[in-house]
Amino acid sequence: MASKKSFPLRLDPMLYQALERWAADEFRSVNGHMEYLLREALRREGRLPSPKRTDKEEEQHDQN
C-alpha cells in the first residue's frame, strides 16, 4: 500500500461530531470517511488522474 501523507487539521467541534456520526453510520473511521468524501468530491469534479489500466484490461479494450 502506498504511504499516506499526515497533516494536522483543525475542525469546528460541531463539524467533527457530525462527521463522527456519519462515519459511524457508514462503518468507517472519521479519518477514513473524510478521505472517502474528499476522493468522491475530486472524482466528481474530474480532478483525480485516471487509474492506469493493467495489461489484461488493455488487451480486453483492444479486442473491443
PDB file of N, CA and C in Angstrom:
ATOM      1  N   MET A   1       0.849  -1.179   0.000  1.00  0.00           N
ATOM      2  CA  MET A   1       0.000   0.000   0.000  1.00  0.00           C
ATOM      3  C   MET A   1       0.893   1.240   0.000  1.00  0.00           C
ATOM      4  N   ALA A   2       0.479   2.243  -0.726  1.00  0.00           N
ATOM      5  CA  ALA A   2       1.231   3.492  -0.788  1.00  0.00           C
ATOM      6  C   ALA A   2       1.187   4.192   0.565  1.00  0.00           C
ATOM      7  N   SER A   3       2.256   4.929   0.866  1.00  0.00           N
ATOM      8  CA  SER A   3       2.273   5.654   2.133  1.00  0.00           C
ATOM      9  C   SER A   3       1.268   6.792   2.081  1.00  0.00           C
ATOM     10  N   LYS A   4       0.844   7.232   3.234  1.00  0.00           N
ATOM     11  CA  LYS A   4      -0.155   8.296   3.316  1.00  0.00           C
ATOM     12  C   LYS A   4       0.488   9.543   3.895  1.00  0.00           C
ATOM     13  N   LYS A   5       0.024  10.681   3.451  1.00  0.00           N
ATOM     14  CA  LYS A   5       0.507  11.977   3.916  1.00  0.00           C
ATOM     15  C   LYS A   5      -0.235  12.349   5.192  1.00  0.00           C
ATOM     16  N   SER A   6       0.498  12.666   6.244  1.00  0.00           N
ATOM     17  CA  SER A   6      -0.097  13.119   7.503  1.00  0.00           C
ATOM     18  C   SER A   6       0.012  14.623   7.598  1.00  0.00           C
ATOM     19  N   PHE A   7      -1.046  15.257   8.126  1.00  0.00           N
ATOM     20  CA  PHE A   7      -1.003  16.692   8.368  1.00  0.00           C
ATOM     21  C   PHE A   7      -2.052  17.045   9.413  1.00  0.00           C
ATOM     22  N   PRO A   8      -1.810  18.094  10.184  1.00  0.00           N
ATOM     23  CA  PRO A   8      -2.789  18.495  11.194  1.00  0.00           C
ATOM     24  C   PRO A   8      -4.006  19.153  10.531  1.00  0.00           C
ATOM     25  N   LEU A   9      -5.152  18.925  11.112  1.00  0.00           N
ATOM     26  CA  LEU A   9      -6.384  19.513  10.585  1.00  0.00           C
ATOM     27  C   LEU A   9      -7.214  20.007  11.763  1.00  0.00           C
ATOM     28  N   ARG A  10      -7.588  21.261  11.710  1.00  0.00           N
ATOM     29  CA  ARG A  10      -8.422  21.833  12.760  1.00  0.00           C
ATOM     30  C   ARG A  10      -9.846  21.931  12.237  1.00  0.00           C
ATOM     31  N   LEU A  11     -10.781  21.373  13.011  1.00  0.00           N
ATOM     32  CA  LEU A  11     -12.185  21.408  12.638  1.00  0.00           C
ATOM     33  C   LEU A  11     -13.015  21.977  13.767  1.00  0.00           C
ATOM     34  N   ASP A  12     -14.089  22.622  13.410  1.00  0.00           N
ATOM     35  CA  ASP A  12     -15.070  23.060  14.389  1.00  0.00           C
ATOM     36  C   ASP A  12     -15.601  21.807  15.088  1.00  0.00           C
ATOM     37  N   PRO A  13     -15.724  21.825  16.405  1.00  0.00           N
ATOM     38  CA  PRO A  13     -16.192  20.637  17.135  1.00  0.00           C
ATOM     39  C   PRO A  13     -17.545  20.104  16.642  1.00  0.00           C
ATOM     40  N   MET A  14     -18.464  20.989  16.269  1.00  0.00           N
ATOM     41  CA  MET A  14     -19.765  20.530  15.777  1.00  0.00           C
ATOM     42  C   MET A  14     -19.620  19.809  14.434  1.00  0.00           C
ATOM     43  N   LEU A  15     -18.728  20.311  13.584  1.00  0.00           N
ATOM     44  CA  LEU A  15     -18.469  19.661  12.310  1.00  0.00           C
ATOM     45  C   LEU A  15     -17.876  18.275  12.548  1.00  0.00           C
ATOM     46  N   TYR A  16     -16.939  18.179  13.474  1.00  0.00           N
ATOM     47  CA  TYR A  16     -16.328  16.890  13.773  1.00  0.00           C
ATOM     48  C   TYR A  16     -17.366  15.899  14.303  1.00  0.00           C
ATOM     49  N   GLN A  17     -18.245  16.364  15.176  1.00  0.00           N
ATOM     50  CA  GLN A  17     -19.281  15.477  15.728  1.00  0.00           C
ATOM     51  C   GLN A  17     -20.199  14.963  14.625  1.00  0.00           C
ATOM     52  N   ALA A  18     -20.561  15.843  13.691  1.00  0.00           N
ATOM     53  CA  ALA A  18     -21.412  15.420  12.577  1.00  0.00           C
ATOM     54  C   ALA A  18     -20.676  14.394  11.712  1.00  0.00           C
ATOM     55  N   LEU A  19     -19.395  14.633  11.438  1.00  0.00           N
ATOM     56  CA  LEU A  19     -18.595  13.680  10.665  1.00  0.00           C
ATOM     57  C   LEU A  19     -18.462  12.349  11.402  1.00  0.00           C
ATOM     58  N   GLU A  20     -18.298  12.423  12.702  1.00  0.00           N
ATOM     59  CA  GLU A  20     -18.160  11.225  13.519  1.00  0.00           C
ATOM     60  C   GLU A  20     -19.428  10.363  13.435  1.00  0.00           C
ATOM     61  N   ARG A  21     -20.594  11.001  13.519  1.00  0.00           N
ATOM     62  CA  ARG A  21     -21.860  10.265  13.419  1.00  0.00           C
ATOM     63  C   ARG A  21     -22.020   9.656  12.020  1.00  0.00           C
ATOM     64  N   TRP A  22     -21.714  10.451  10.990  1.00  0.00           N
ATOM     65  CA  TRP A  22     -21.835   9.982   9.615  1.00  0.00           C
ATOM     66  C   TRP A  22     -20.892   8.809   9.360  1.00  0.00           C
ATOM     67  N   ALA A  23     -19.662   8.938   9.826  1.00  0.00           N
ATOM     68  CA  ALA A  23     -18.688   7.859   9.660  1.00  0.00           C
ATOM     69  C   ALA A  23     -19.177   6.581  10.338  1.00  0.00           C
ATOM     70  N   ALA A  24     -19.725   6.702  11.527  1.00  0.00           N
ATOM     71  CA  ALA A  24     -20.244   5.536  12.245  1.00  0.00           C
ATOM     72  C   ALA A  24     -21.388   4.890  11.469  1.00  0.00           C
ATOM     73  N   ASP A  25     -22.246   5.701  10.869  1.00  0.00           N
ATOM     74  CA  ASP A  25     -23.348   5.174  10.065  1.00  0.00           C
ATOM     75  C   ASP A  25     -22.837   4.370   8.874  1.00  0.00           C
ATOM     76  N   GLU A  26     -21.668   4.745   8.352  1.00  0.00           N
ATOM     77  CA  GLU A  26     -21.082   4.087   7.185  1.00  0.00           C
ATOM     78  C   GLU A  26     -20.047   3.022   7.580  1.00  0.00           C
ATOM     79  N   PHE A  27     -19.914   2.770   8.891  1.00  0.00           N
ATOM     80  CA  PHE A  27     -18.939   1.798   9.410  1.00  0.00           C
ATOM     81  C   PHE A  27     -17.509   2.132   9.002  1.00  0.00           C
ATOM     82  N   ARG A  28     -17.188   3.426   9.070  1.00  0.00           N
ATOM     83  CA  ARG A  28     -15.833   3.905   8.778  1.00  0.00           C
ATOM     84  C   ARG A  28     -15.312   4.693   9.970  1.00  0.00           C
ATOM     85  N   SER A  29     -13.986   4.850  10.012  1.00  0.00           N
ATOM     86  CA  SER A  29     -13.395   5.775  10.965  1.00  0.00           C
ATOM     87  C   SER A  29     -13.638   7.185  10.441  1.00  0.00           C
ATOM     88  N   VAL A  30     -13.501   8.175  11.289  1.00  0.00           N
ATOM     89  CA  VAL A  30     -13.662   9.562  10.837  1.00  0.00           C
ATOM     90  C   VAL A  30     -12.623   9.863   9.767  1.00  0.00           C
ATOM     91  N   ASN A  31     -11.388   9.463  10.002  1.00  0.00           N
ATOM     92  CA  ASN A  31     -10.326   9.697   9.025  1.00  0.00           C
ATOM     93  C   ASN A  31     -10.648   9.011   7.693  1.00  0.00           C
ATOM     94  N   GLY A  32     -11.057   7.757   7.753  1.00  0.00           N
ATOM     95  CA  GLY A  32     -11.392   7.024   6.539  1.00  0.00           C
ATOM     96  C   GLY A  32     -12.567   7.646   5.805  1.00  0.00           C
ATOM     97  N   HIS A  33     -13.548   8.127   6.552  1.00  0.00           N
ATOM     98  CA  HIS A  33     -14.717   8.734   5.919  1.00  0.00           C
ATOM     99  C   HIS A  33     -14.356  10.078   5.276  1.00  0.00           C
ATOM    100  N   MET A  34     -13.514  10.849   5.930  1.00  0.00           N
ATOM    101  CA  MET A  34     -13.082  12.119   5.342  1.00  0.00           C
ATOM    102  C   MET A  34     -12.314  11.870   4.052  1.00  0.00           C
ATOM    103  N   GLU A  35     -11.460  10.865   4.053  1.00  0.00           N
ATOM    104  CA  GLU A  35     -10.714  10.537   2.840  1.00  0.00           C
ATOM    105  C   GLU A  35     -11.669  10.099   1.733  1.00  0.00           C
ATOM    106  N   TYR A  36     -12.671   9.288   2.073  1.00  0.00           N
ATOM    107  CA  TYR A  36     -13.673   8.858   1.104  1.00  0.00           C
ATOM    108  C   TYR A  36     -14.414  10.060   0.519  1.00  0.00           C
ATOM    109  N   LEU A  37     -14.865  10.969   1.383  1.00  0.00           N
ATOM    110  CA  LEU A  37     -15.610  12.145   0.926  1.00  0.00           C
ATOM    111  C   LEU A  37     -14.764  13.026   0.010  1.00  0.00           C
ATOM    112  N   LEU A  38     -13.514  13.227   0.375  1.00  0.00           N
ATOM    113  CA  LEU A  38     -12.628  14.036  -0.459  1.00  0.00           C
ATOM    114  C   LEU A  38     -12.370  13.374  -1.805  1.00  0.00           C
ATOM    115  N   ARG A  39     -12.139  12.059  -1.787  1.00  0.00           N
ATOM    116  CA  ARG A  39     -11.885  11.342  -3.041  1.00  0.00           C
ATOM    117  C   ARG A  39     -13.101  11.415  -3.962  1.00  0.00           C
ATOM    118  N   GLU A  40     -14.298  11.235  -3.402  1.00  0.00           N
ATOM    119  CA  GLU A  40     -15.523  11.302  -4.206  1.00  0.00           C
ATOM    120  C   GLU A  40     -15.725  12.704  -4.792  1.00  0.00           C
ATOM    121  N   ALA A  41     -15.479  13.731  -3.993  1.00  0.00           N
ATOM    122  CA  ALA A  41     -15.623  15.107  -4.487  1.00  0.00           C
ATOM    123  C   ALA A  41     -14.629  15.374  -5.621  1.00  0.00           C
ATOM    124  N   LEU A  42     -13.397  14.938  -5.465  1.00  0.00           N
ATOM    125  CA  LEU A  42     -12.382  15.121  -6.509  1.00  0.00           C
ATOM    126  C   LEU A  42     -12.741  14.338  -7.770  1.00  0.00           C
ATOM    127  N   ARG A  43     -13.263  13.123  -7.590  1.00  0.00           N
ATOM    128  CA  ARG A  43     -13.657  12.308  -8.739  1.00  0.00           C
ATOM    129  C   ARG A  43     -14.797  12.980  -9.509  1.00  0.00           C
ATOM    130  N   ARG A  44     -15.806  13.473  -8.787  1.00  0.00           N
ATOM    131  CA  ARG A  44     -16.948  14.138  -9.432  1.00  0.00           C
ATOM    132  C   ARG A  44     -16.517  15.363 -10.227  1.00  0.00           C
ATOM    133  N   GLU A  45     -15.523  16.065  -9.739  1.00  0.00           N
ATOM    134  CA  GLU A  45     -15.050  17.282 -10.397  1.00  0.00           C
ATOM    135  C   GLU A  45     -13.996  17.011 -11.471  1.00  0.00           C
ATOM    136  N   GLY A  46     -13.659  15.733 -11.667  1.00  0.00           N
ATOM    137  CA  GLY A  46     -12.669  15.382 -12.682  1.00  0.00           C
ATOM    138  C   GLY A  46     -11.262  15.802 -12.313  1.00  0.00           C
ATOM    139  N   ARG A  47     -10.968  15.845 -11.038  1.00  0.00           N
ATOM    140  CA  ARG A  47      -9.651  16.304 -10.594  1.00  0.00           C
ATOM    141  C   ARG A  47      -8.735  15.172 -10.144  1.00  0.00           C
ATOM    142  N   LEU A  48      -9.176  13.940 -10.275  1.00  0.00           N
ATOM    143  CA  LEU A  48      -8.312  12.798  -9.970  1.00  0.00           C
ATOM    144  C   LEU A  48      -7.780  12.237 -11.276  1.00  0.00           C
ATOM    145  N   PRO A  49      -6.515  11.837 -11.303  1.00  0.00           N
ATOM    146  CA  PRO A  49      -5.998  11.214 -12.525  1.00  0.00           C
ATOM    147  C   PRO A  49      -6.705   9.883 -12.761  1.00  0.00           C
ATOM    148  N   SER A  50      -6.863   9.503 -14.024  1.00  0.00           N
ATOM    149  CA  SER A  50      -7.479   8.225 -14.362  1.00  0.00           C
ATOM    150  C   SER A  50      -6.580   7.104 -13.877  1.00  0.00           C
ATOM    151  N   PRO A  51      -7.184   6.041 -13.330  1.00  0.00           N
ATOM    152  CA  PRO A  51      -6.347   4.908 -12.900  1.00  0.00           C
ATOM    153  C   PRO A  51      -5.708   4.256 -14.119  1.00  0.00           C
ATOM    154  N   LYS A  52      -4.484   3.807 -13.943  1.00  0.00           N
ATOM    155  CA  LYS A  52      -3.783   3.144 -15.047  1.00  0.00           C
ATOM    156  C   LYS A  52      -4.408   1.774 -15.287  1.00  0.00           C
ATOM    157  N   ARG A  53      -4.510   1.402 -16.542  1.00  0.00           N
ATOM    158  CA  ARG A  53      -5.054   0.101 -16.889  1.00  0.00           C
ATOM    159  C   ARG A  53      -3.981  -0.959 -16.744  1.00  0.00           C
ATOM    160  N   THR A  54      -4.417  -2.159 -16.329  1.00  0.00           N
ATOM    161  CA  THR A  54      -3.492  -3.283 -16.291  1.00  0.00           C
ATOM    162  C   THR A  54      -3.347  -3.819 -17.704  1.00  0.00           C
ATOM    163  N   ASP A  55      -2.354  -4.675 -17.929  1.00  0.00           N
ATOM    164  CA  ASP A  55      -2.147  -5.273 -19.249  1.00  0.00           C
ATOM    165  C   ASP A  55      -3.389  -6.045 -19.694  1.00  0.00           C
ATOM    166  N   LYS A  56      -4.027  -6.764 -18.760  1.00  0.00           N
ATOM    167  CA  LYS A  56      -5.212  -7.547 -19.085  1.00  0.00           C
ATOM    168  C   LYS A  56      -6.357  -6.626 -19.520  1.00  0.00           C
ATOM    169  N   GLU A  57      -6.563  -5.524 -18.812  1.00  0.00           N
ATOM    170  CA  GLU A  57      -7.600  -4.566 -19.186  1.00  0.00           C
ATOM    171  C   GLU A  57      -7.303  -3.961 -20.556  1.00  0.00           C
ATOM    172  N   GLU A  58      -6.024  -3.704 -20.824  1.00  0.00           N
ATOM    173  CA  GLU A  58      -5.613  -3.142 -22.109  1.00  0.00           C
ATOM    174  C   GLU A  58      -5.949  -4.117 -23.237  1.00  0.00           C
ATOM    175  N   GLU A  59      -5.683  -5.424 -23.033  1.00  0.00           N
ATOM    176  CA  GLU A  59      -5.989  -6.441 -24.030  1.00  0.00           C
ATOM    177  C   GLU A  59      -7.491  -6.485 -24.308  1.00  0.00           C
ATOM    178  N   GLN A  60      -8.301  -6.457 -23.236  1.00  0.00           N
ATOM    179  CA  GLN A  60      -9.748  -6.511 -23.390  1.00  0.00           C
ATOM    180  C   GLN A  60     -10.242  -5.278 -24.138  1.00  0.00           C
ATOM    181  N   HIS A  61      -9.680  -4.126 -23.860  1.00  0.00           N
ATOM    182  CA  HIS A  61     -10.093  -2.892 -24.516  1.00  0.00           C
ATOM    183  C   HIS A  61      -9.740  -2.960 -26.006  1.00  0.00           C
ATOM    184  N   ASP A  62      -8.543  -3.497 -26.314  1.00  0.00           N
ATOM    185  CA  ASP A  62      -8.095  -3.576 -27.707  1.00  0.00           C
ATOM    186  C   ASP A  62      -8.952  -4.546 -28.521  1.00  0.00           C
ATOM    187  N   GLN A  63      -9.507  -5.567 -27.864  1.00  0.00           N
ATOM    188  CA  GLN A  63     -10.315  -6.571 -28.567  1.00  0.00           C
ATOM    189  C   GLN A  63     -11.691  -6.021 -28.923  1.00  0.00           C
ATOM    190  N   ASN A  64     -12.141  -4.984 -28.237  1.00  0.00           N
ATOM    191  CA  ASN A  64     -13.492  -4.419 -28.482  1.00  0.00           C
ATOM    192  C   ASN A  64     -13.497  -3.413 -29.570  1.00  0.00           C
TER     193      ASN A  64
END
